[in-house]
Each structure stands twice: as structure tokens, then as C-alpha cells.
Amino acid sequence: MTYTEIKGDLFSAPKDYYLVHCISSDFALGAGIAKQFAEKFDMKQKLIDRYPNYSQYFQENNLYADCLFVDRVFNLVTKHYYWEKPTYYSLEVALKKLLFECIVKNITKLAMPKIGCGLDRLEWEKVSEMIQNIFKSQDVSIIVYYI
């Protein structure tokens, strides 16, 4: 694994990189970087179309987290409602699902913001360590963009 943190715009990542961000199962995408994904990629509508009744499914199956793939974007579901805060555990589960998807789809390039650390208020040092531990044995390049 190669891991790099770069000051810059996530949406300027090289085109062969898959983007990663966090969302809630209600697909609100109304604030922070999730809102930018909704605006740039029509992500909210694509999630609703591809995963109808997902919020109900998430709740009925007592999921802690998930990873939903749309186009070249991995949407890490780390909480049920947009107003909730994720936990380190829910983020870890989502990242492990991301790892599984990368292995299955043979994806080796990921770009992400400091996930879980903006509006969601997790500590970046812990999240960064978690990402590196989960992906350490994989042939993957991860670029984290920050402003």
C-alpha cells in the first residue's frame, strides 16, 4: 500500500482513481463533501435509483455500516440518519467492506477526503491509522485530500 496526504481538491484526483466518501443510509447528502458529490455526480438520485428503500433495509437488518458503489464512487454508509454521528466502529466496518469491494473489483487506486472528520467529528489521527491498518497488506494506492 502507498498512502499519501495531499493539500488540494479531491475532485482533481487523477481520473483512474476511485473516489470515497461517507454518507448516511437516508441518502440526505445535504452538507459537507457529500453535498458536493450530490451536485457534481447527481449521487443522491443515483443512490435512490440503484438502492430503493435502502434506509429501511439498513435499519431492518441492523447494519452498522455498508459500502455502496455507484459509477466510480464508493459511498461509505456510516450512520442511519444524516444528523447522527458515526462511530469508529461503524467507520471500520465500512472501510473493511470497501477493502472487500476493492479486492473483488481489482481496484487499486482510491482518493478520499479526511473521511469521518469534517461534520462527523472523528479524530483524523485515529481514522488515518485505521485506514492504513486495514489496507496495509493490499496493493493499493490511497490519496487523502485535505483543504
N, C-alpha and C. Protein backbone atom coordinates (compact mmCIF):
# COMPACT_ATOMS: atom_id res chain seq x y z
N MET A 1 0.83 -1.17 0.00
CA MET A 1 0.00 0.00 0.00
C MET A 1 0.88 1.24 0.00
N THR A 2 0.46 2.20 -0.79
CA THR A 2 1.06 3.53 -0.67
C THR A 2 -0.03 4.46 -0.15
N TYR A 3 0.36 5.34 0.74
CA TYR A 3 -0.58 6.23 1.40
C TYR A 3 0.00 7.63 1.38
N THR A 4 -0.76 8.58 0.84
CA THR A 4 -0.29 9.95 0.71
C THR A 4 -1.39 10.91 1.12
N GLU A 5 -1.02 11.96 1.83
CA GLU A 5 -1.95 13.04 2.13
C GLU A 5 -1.50 14.27 1.36
N ILE A 6 -2.44 14.87 0.62
CA ILE A 6 -2.14 15.99 -0.27
C ILE A 6 -3.11 17.14 0.01
N LYS A 7 -2.57 18.34 0.13
CA LYS A 7 -3.43 19.51 0.23
C LYS A 7 -3.96 19.80 -1.16
N GLY A 8 -5.28 19.80 -1.31
CA GLY A 8 -5.86 20.05 -2.62
C GLY A 8 -7.31 19.62 -2.69
N ASP A 9 -7.85 19.69 -3.88
CA ASP A 9 -9.25 19.39 -4.16
C ASP A 9 -9.40 17.91 -4.51
N LEU A 10 -10.21 17.21 -3.75
CA LEU A 10 -10.47 15.78 -4.01
C LEU A 10 -10.91 15.55 -5.45
N PHE A 11 -11.69 16.47 -5.98
CA PHE A 11 -12.24 16.29 -7.32
C PHE A 11 -11.22 16.54 -8.42
N SER A 12 -10.00 16.88 -8.04
CA SER A 12 -8.91 16.99 -9.01
C SER A 12 -8.04 15.73 -9.02
N ALA A 13 -8.46 14.70 -8.29
CA ALA A 13 -7.71 13.44 -8.26
C ALA A 13 -7.60 12.88 -9.68
N PRO A 14 -6.52 12.15 -9.97
CA PRO A 14 -6.38 11.55 -11.30
C PRO A 14 -7.62 10.72 -11.66
N LYS A 15 -7.98 10.73 -12.92
CA LYS A 15 -9.22 10.09 -13.38
C LYS A 15 -9.24 8.57 -13.20
N ASP A 16 -8.08 7.95 -12.97
CA ASP A 16 -8.07 6.50 -12.77
C ASP A 16 -8.24 6.12 -11.29
N TYR A 17 -8.45 7.11 -10.44
CA TYR A 17 -8.71 6.86 -9.02
C TYR A 17 -10.21 6.82 -8.76
N TYR A 18 -10.61 5.90 -7.90
CA TYR A 18 -11.99 5.81 -7.45
C TYR A 18 -12.14 6.69 -6.22
N LEU A 19 -13.25 7.42 -6.14
CA LEU A 19 -13.46 8.33 -5.03
C LEU A 19 -14.21 7.64 -3.89
N VAL A 20 -13.94 8.09 -2.67
CA VAL A 20 -14.54 7.51 -1.47
C VAL A 20 -15.03 8.67 -0.60
N HIS A 21 -16.22 8.52 -0.03
CA HIS A 21 -16.72 9.49 0.95
C HIS A 21 -17.76 8.82 1.83
N CYS A 22 -18.18 9.49 2.88
CA CYS A 22 -19.14 8.93 3.83
C CYS A 22 -20.52 9.56 3.66
N ILE A 23 -21.54 8.72 3.85
CA ILE A 23 -22.93 9.17 3.77
C ILE A 23 -23.75 8.49 4.87
N SER A 24 -25.01 8.91 4.97
CA SER A 24 -25.96 8.25 5.86
C SER A 24 -26.89 7.38 5.02
N SER A 25 -27.53 6.41 5.67
CA SER A 25 -28.38 5.49 4.91
C SER A 25 -29.65 6.16 4.38
N ASP A 26 -29.97 7.36 4.88
CA ASP A 26 -31.14 8.07 4.37
C ASP A 26 -30.84 8.86 3.09
N PHE A 27 -29.58 8.77 2.63
CA PHE A 27 -29.16 9.44 1.39
C PHE A 27 -29.46 10.94 1.38
N ALA A 28 -29.30 11.60 2.51
CA ALA A 28 -29.58 13.04 2.59
C ALA A 28 -28.60 13.82 1.70
N LEU A 29 -27.30 13.56 1.83
CA LEU A 29 -26.26 14.24 1.05
C LEU A 29 -26.51 15.74 0.96
N GLY A 30 -26.80 16.35 2.10
CA GLY A 30 -27.19 17.74 2.11
C GLY A 30 -26.15 18.71 2.64
N ALA A 31 -25.01 18.21 3.11
CA ALA A 31 -24.00 19.09 3.67
C ALA A 31 -22.61 18.48 3.47
N GLY A 32 -21.61 19.32 3.65
CA GLY A 32 -20.23 18.86 3.57
C GLY A 32 -19.87 18.32 2.20
N ILE A 33 -18.92 17.40 2.19
CA ILE A 33 -18.44 16.85 0.92
C ILE A 33 -19.51 16.00 0.24
N ALA A 34 -20.41 15.39 1.04
CA ALA A 34 -21.49 14.59 0.45
C ALA A 34 -22.37 15.45 -0.44
N LYS A 35 -22.61 16.69 -0.05
CA LYS A 35 -23.40 17.60 -0.87
C LYS A 35 -22.69 17.88 -2.19
N GLN A 36 -21.37 17.99 -2.14
CA GLN A 36 -20.61 18.21 -3.37
C GLN A 36 -20.71 17.00 -4.30
N PHE A 37 -20.70 15.78 -3.73
CA PHE A 37 -20.88 14.57 -4.54
C PHE A 37 -22.27 14.58 -5.18
N ALA A 38 -23.28 15.00 -4.41
CA ALA A 38 -24.64 15.06 -4.95
C ALA A 38 -24.70 16.04 -6.11
N GLU A 39 -24.05 17.19 -5.96
CA GLU A 39 -24.09 18.21 -7.00
C GLU A 39 -23.26 17.84 -8.23
N LYS A 40 -22.06 17.31 -8.02
CA LYS A 40 -21.15 17.02 -9.14
C LYS A 40 -21.54 15.76 -9.92
N PHE A 41 -22.06 14.76 -9.20
CA PHE A 41 -22.31 13.47 -9.84
C PHE A 41 -23.77 13.03 -9.79
N ASP A 42 -24.67 13.90 -9.34
CA ASP A 42 -26.07 13.53 -9.14
C ASP A 42 -26.17 12.27 -8.27
N MET A 43 -25.27 12.21 -7.27
CA MET A 43 -25.12 10.99 -6.48
C MET A 43 -26.37 10.64 -5.68
N LYS A 44 -27.04 11.63 -5.13
CA LYS A 44 -28.25 11.34 -4.34
C LYS A 44 -29.27 10.60 -5.19
N GLN A 45 -29.55 11.11 -6.38
CA GLN A 45 -30.54 10.47 -7.24
C GLN A 45 -30.07 9.09 -7.70
N LYS A 46 -28.79 8.97 -8.00
CA LYS A 46 -28.26 7.66 -8.43
C LYS A 46 -28.37 6.63 -7.30
N LEU A 47 -28.11 7.05 -6.07
CA LEU A 47 -28.25 6.13 -4.93
C LEU A 47 -29.71 5.72 -4.75
N ILE A 48 -30.62 6.68 -4.83
CA ILE A 48 -32.05 6.38 -4.69
C ILE A 48 -32.50 5.41 -5.77
N ASP A 49 -32.05 5.64 -7.01
CA ASP A 49 -32.44 4.77 -8.13
C ASP A 49 -31.86 3.37 -8.00
N ARG A 50 -30.60 3.28 -7.60
CA ARG A 50 -29.93 1.99 -7.54
C ARG A 50 -30.28 1.19 -6.28
N TYR A 51 -30.54 1.90 -5.18
CA TYR A 51 -30.81 1.25 -3.90
C TYR A 51 -32.13 1.76 -3.30
N PRO A 52 -33.26 1.44 -3.96
CA PRO A 52 -34.55 1.90 -3.43
C PRO A 52 -34.83 1.28 -2.05
N ASN A 53 -35.45 2.05 -1.19
CA ASN A 53 -35.80 1.60 0.17
C ASN A 53 -34.57 1.17 0.98
N TYR A 54 -33.43 1.75 0.66
CA TYR A 54 -32.20 1.33 1.34
C TYR A 54 -32.20 1.68 2.83
N SER A 55 -32.71 2.84 3.18
CA SER A 55 -32.71 3.24 4.59
C SER A 55 -33.50 2.24 5.44
N GLN A 56 -34.62 1.80 4.91
CA GLN A 56 -35.43 0.79 5.61
C GLN A 56 -34.65 -0.53 5.70
N TYR A 57 -34.01 -0.94 4.62
CA TYR A 57 -33.19 -2.15 4.62
C TYR A 57 -32.07 -2.06 5.65
N PHE A 58 -31.40 -0.93 5.69
CA PHE A 58 -30.29 -0.70 6.63
C PHE A 58 -30.78 -0.87 8.07
N GLN A 59 -31.92 -0.27 8.35
CA GLN A 59 -32.47 -0.33 9.72
C GLN A 59 -33.00 -1.72 10.05
N GLU A 60 -33.76 -2.32 9.17
CA GLU A 60 -34.35 -3.64 9.43
C GLU A 60 -33.31 -4.73 9.61
N ASN A 61 -32.16 -4.57 8.96
CA ASN A 61 -31.11 -5.58 9.05
C ASN A 61 -30.05 -5.22 10.09
N ASN A 62 -30.32 -4.18 10.88
CA ASN A 62 -29.42 -3.76 11.96
C ASN A 62 -27.98 -3.60 11.49
N LEU A 63 -27.82 -2.97 10.33
CA LEU A 63 -26.48 -2.76 9.81
C LEU A 63 -25.79 -1.63 10.57
N TYR A 64 -24.51 -1.79 10.81
CA TYR A 64 -23.70 -0.72 11.41
C TYR A 64 -23.14 0.18 10.33
N ALA A 65 -22.86 -0.42 9.19
CA ALA A 65 -22.21 0.31 8.11
C ALA A 65 -22.33 -0.50 6.82
N ASP A 66 -21.99 0.16 5.71
CA ASP A 66 -22.04 -0.51 4.42
C ASP A 66 -21.15 0.26 3.44
N CYS A 67 -21.04 -0.27 2.25
CA CYS A 67 -20.26 0.37 1.19
C CYS A 67 -21.04 0.20 -0.10
N LEU A 68 -21.54 1.31 -0.63
CA LEU A 68 -22.36 1.29 -1.84
C LEU A 68 -21.57 1.88 -3.00
N PHE A 69 -21.47 1.13 -4.07
CA PHE A 69 -20.67 1.51 -5.23
C PHE A 69 -21.58 2.06 -6.33
N VAL A 70 -21.29 3.28 -6.79
CA VAL A 70 -22.04 3.90 -7.88
C VAL A 70 -21.02 4.60 -8.78
N ASP A 71 -21.03 4.24 -10.06
CA ASP A 71 -20.09 4.79 -11.03
C ASP A 71 -18.66 4.55 -10.51
N ARG A 72 -17.89 5.59 -10.27
CA ARG A 72 -16.52 5.42 -9.76
C ARG A 72 -16.43 5.93 -8.32
N VAL A 73 -17.55 5.83 -7.59
CA VAL A 73 -17.61 6.36 -6.23
C VAL A 73 -18.03 5.27 -5.26
N PHE A 74 -17.26 5.17 -4.17
CA PHE A 74 -17.64 4.32 -3.05
C PHE A 74 -18.26 5.20 -1.99
N ASN A 75 -19.52 4.95 -1.70
CA ASN A 75 -20.26 5.68 -0.68
C ASN A 75 -20.24 4.84 0.59
N LEU A 76 -19.48 5.28 1.59
CA LEU A 76 -19.39 4.54 2.84
C LEU A 76 -20.55 4.98 3.73
N VAL A 77 -21.45 4.05 4.01
CA VAL A 77 -22.59 4.35 4.87
C VAL A 77 -22.13 4.08 6.31
N THR A 78 -22.06 5.15 7.10
CA THR A 78 -21.51 5.03 8.45
C THR A 78 -22.51 5.38 9.55
N LYS A 79 -23.75 5.69 9.15
CA LYS A 79 -24.79 6.04 10.12
C LYS A 79 -26.14 5.94 9.42
N HIS A 80 -27.21 5.87 10.23
CA HIS A 80 -28.54 5.74 9.64
C HIS A 80 -29.07 7.09 9.14
N TYR A 81 -29.12 8.07 10.02
CA TYR A 81 -29.66 9.38 9.66
C TYR A 81 -28.55 10.43 9.55
N TYR A 82 -28.76 11.41 8.71
CA TYR A 82 -27.73 12.43 8.47
C TYR A 82 -27.36 13.20 9.74
N TRP A 83 -28.26 13.35 10.68
CA TRP A 83 -27.96 14.14 11.88
C TRP A 83 -27.19 13.35 12.93
N GLU A 84 -27.06 12.05 12.74
CA GLU A 84 -26.30 11.23 13.68
C GLU A 84 -24.80 11.38 13.40
N LYS A 85 -23.99 10.88 14.31
CA LYS A 85 -22.55 10.86 14.13
C LYS A 85 -22.10 9.40 14.01
N PRO A 86 -21.15 9.13 13.13
CA PRO A 86 -20.63 7.76 13.04
C PRO A 86 -19.77 7.45 14.26
N THR A 87 -19.49 6.19 14.42
CA THR A 87 -18.54 5.76 15.45
C THR A 87 -17.29 5.24 14.75
N TYR A 88 -16.23 5.07 15.51
CA TYR A 88 -15.04 4.47 14.91
C TYR A 88 -15.36 3.05 14.44
N TYR A 89 -16.23 2.38 15.17
CA TYR A 89 -16.60 1.02 14.77
C TYR A 89 -17.35 1.03 13.43
N SER A 90 -18.32 1.93 13.26
CA SER A 90 -19.07 1.95 12.00
C SER A 90 -18.16 2.31 10.83
N LEU A 91 -17.22 3.22 11.07
CA LEU A 91 -16.28 3.57 10.01
C LEU A 91 -15.37 2.38 9.69
N GLU A 92 -14.93 1.66 10.71
CA GLU A 92 -14.08 0.48 10.49
C GLU A 92 -14.81 -0.57 9.66
N VAL A 93 -16.08 -0.83 10.00
CA VAL A 93 -16.87 -1.80 9.24
C VAL A 93 -17.01 -1.34 7.79
N ALA A 94 -17.30 -0.07 7.57
CA ALA A 94 -17.44 0.46 6.20
C ALA A 94 -16.12 0.33 5.43
N LEU A 95 -15.00 0.63 6.09
CA LEU A 95 -13.69 0.52 5.43
C LEU A 95 -13.35 -0.93 5.08
N LYS A 96 -13.72 -1.86 5.94
CA LYS A 96 -13.48 -3.28 5.64
C LYS A 96 -14.35 -3.73 4.47
N LYS A 97 -15.55 -3.20 4.37
CA LYS A 97 -16.40 -3.50 3.21
C LYS A 97 -15.80 -2.88 1.95
N LEU A 98 -15.23 -1.69 2.09
CA LEU A 98 -14.53 -1.05 0.97
C LEU A 98 -13.36 -1.92 0.52
N LEU A 99 -12.58 -2.40 1.45
CA LEU A 99 -11.46 -3.28 1.13
C LEU A 99 -11.94 -4.50 0.35
N PHE A 100 -13.00 -5.13 0.82
CA PHE A 100 -13.56 -6.30 0.14
C PHE A 100 -13.95 -5.95 -1.30
N GLU A 101 -14.63 -4.82 -1.47
CA GLU A 101 -15.05 -4.39 -2.82
C GLU A 101 -13.84 -4.14 -3.72
N CYS A 102 -12.81 -3.56 -3.16
CA CYS A 102 -11.59 -3.30 -3.95
C CYS A 102 -10.95 -4.61 -4.41
N ILE A 103 -10.92 -5.60 -3.53
CA ILE A 103 -10.35 -6.90 -3.88
C ILE A 103 -11.19 -7.56 -4.97
N VAL A 104 -12.50 -7.59 -4.78
CA VAL A 104 -13.40 -8.24 -5.73
C VAL A 104 -13.34 -7.56 -7.11
N LYS A 105 -13.29 -6.23 -7.11
CA LYS A 105 -13.32 -5.47 -8.36
C LYS A 105 -11.91 -5.16 -8.89
N ASN A 106 -10.89 -5.64 -8.19
CA ASN A 106 -9.50 -5.39 -8.57
C ASN A 106 -9.20 -3.89 -8.72
N ILE A 107 -9.65 -3.13 -7.74
CA ILE A 107 -9.42 -1.69 -7.72
C ILE A 107 -8.20 -1.41 -6.85
N THR A 108 -7.27 -0.63 -7.39
CA THR A 108 -6.01 -0.39 -6.68
C THR A 108 -5.71 1.08 -6.45
N LYS A 109 -6.65 1.96 -6.78
CA LYS A 109 -6.40 3.40 -6.61
C LYS A 109 -7.63 4.06 -6.01
N LEU A 110 -7.44 4.65 -4.82
CA LEU A 110 -8.52 5.31 -4.11
C LEU A 110 -8.12 6.73 -3.73
N ALA A 111 -9.06 7.64 -3.82
CA ALA A 111 -8.87 9.02 -3.38
C ALA A 111 -10.03 9.37 -2.47
N MET A 112 -9.73 10.04 -1.37
CA MET A 112 -10.77 10.37 -0.40
C MET A 112 -10.42 11.63 0.36
N PRO A 113 -11.44 12.26 0.97
CA PRO A 113 -11.15 13.36 1.89
C PRO A 113 -10.77 12.74 3.24
N LYS A 114 -10.60 13.56 4.24
CA LYS A 114 -10.38 13.05 5.60
C LYS A 114 -11.72 12.54 6.11
N ILE A 115 -12.06 11.33 5.67
CA ILE A 115 -13.40 10.77 5.92
C ILE A 115 -13.72 10.70 7.41
N GLY A 116 -14.97 11.03 7.71
CA GLY A 116 -15.45 10.96 9.08
C GLY A 116 -14.97 12.09 9.99
N CYS A 117 -14.21 13.01 9.44
CA CYS A 117 -13.55 14.00 10.31
C CYS A 117 -14.00 15.43 10.07
N GLY A 118 -14.88 15.65 9.13
CA GLY A 118 -15.40 17.00 8.93
C GLY A 118 -16.60 17.18 9.84
N LEU A 119 -17.78 17.17 9.26
CA LEU A 119 -19.01 17.31 10.03
C LEU A 119 -19.22 16.14 11.00
N ASP A 120 -18.63 15.00 10.70
CA ASP A 120 -18.81 13.82 11.55
C ASP A 120 -17.92 13.81 12.79
N ARG A 121 -16.91 14.65 12.82
CA ARG A 121 -16.13 14.94 14.02
C ARG A 121 -15.28 13.80 14.61
N LEU A 122 -14.92 12.81 13.82
CA LEU A 122 -13.97 11.81 14.32
C LEU A 122 -12.57 12.43 14.26
N GLU A 123 -11.63 11.86 14.98
CA GLU A 123 -10.26 12.38 15.01
C GLU A 123 -9.45 11.79 13.87
N TRP A 124 -8.85 12.68 13.06
CA TRP A 124 -8.14 12.24 11.87
C TRP A 124 -6.98 11.29 12.18
N GLU A 125 -6.25 11.51 13.25
CA GLU A 125 -5.12 10.64 13.58
C GLU A 125 -5.59 9.19 13.73
N LYS A 126 -6.72 8.99 14.39
CA LYS A 126 -7.26 7.64 14.59
C LYS A 126 -7.78 7.07 13.27
N VAL A 127 -8.47 7.90 12.50
CA VAL A 127 -9.03 7.44 11.23
C VAL A 127 -7.92 7.09 10.24
N SER A 128 -6.90 7.93 10.16
CA SER A 128 -5.77 7.67 9.27
C SER A 128 -5.09 6.36 9.62
N GLU A 129 -4.87 6.14 10.90
CA GLU A 129 -4.25 4.89 11.34
C GLU A 129 -5.14 3.69 10.98
N MET A 130 -6.44 3.85 11.14
CA MET A 130 -7.39 2.78 10.82
C MET A 130 -7.31 2.43 9.33
N ILE A 131 -7.32 3.44 8.48
CA ILE A 131 -7.23 3.22 7.03
C ILE A 131 -5.95 2.47 6.69
N GLN A 132 -4.85 2.94 7.22
CA GLN A 132 -3.56 2.32 6.91
C GLN A 132 -3.49 0.88 7.43
N ASN A 133 -4.04 0.61 8.59
CA ASN A 133 -4.04 -0.76 9.12
C ASN A 133 -4.90 -1.69 8.29
N ILE A 134 -6.06 -1.22 7.87
CA ILE A 134 -6.98 -2.07 7.10
C ILE A 134 -6.41 -2.39 5.72
N PHE A 135 -5.75 -1.43 5.09
CA PHE A 135 -5.26 -1.62 3.72
C PHE A 135 -3.79 -1.99 3.64
N LYS A 136 -3.11 -2.16 4.77
CA LYS A 136 -1.65 -2.31 4.77
C LYS A 136 -1.12 -3.46 3.92
N SER A 137 -1.84 -4.55 3.81
CA SER A 137 -1.32 -5.70 3.06
C SER A 137 -1.84 -5.75 1.63
N GLN A 138 -2.49 -4.68 1.19
CA GLN A 138 -3.06 -4.67 -0.16
C GLN A 138 -2.21 -3.85 -1.12
N ASP A 139 -2.27 -4.23 -2.39
CA ASP A 139 -1.60 -3.47 -3.44
C ASP A 139 -2.54 -2.35 -3.87
N VAL A 140 -2.56 -1.28 -3.06
CA VAL A 140 -3.47 -0.18 -3.32
C VAL A 140 -2.76 1.14 -3.03
N SER A 141 -3.10 2.13 -3.83
CA SER A 141 -2.60 3.49 -3.62
C SER A 141 -3.76 4.32 -3.10
N ILE A 142 -3.55 4.96 -1.95
CA ILE A 142 -4.59 5.80 -1.33
C ILE A 142 -4.06 7.22 -1.24
N ILE A 143 -4.83 8.16 -1.80
CA ILE A 143 -4.51 9.58 -1.67
C ILE A 143 -5.62 10.22 -0.85
N VAL A 144 -5.22 10.89 0.22
CA VAL A 144 -6.18 11.64 1.04
C VAL A 144 -5.98 13.11 0.73
N TYR A 145 -7.07 13.76 0.34
CA TYR A 145 -7.04 15.18 0.02
C TYR A 145 -7.61 15.97 1.19
N TYR A 146 -6.96 17.08 1.52
CA TYR A 146 -7.47 17.97 2.56
C TYR A 146 -7.32 19.41 2.10
N ILE A 147 -8.12 20.27 2.68
CA ILE A 147 -8.09 21.69 2.31
C ILE A 147 -7.18 22.43 3.26
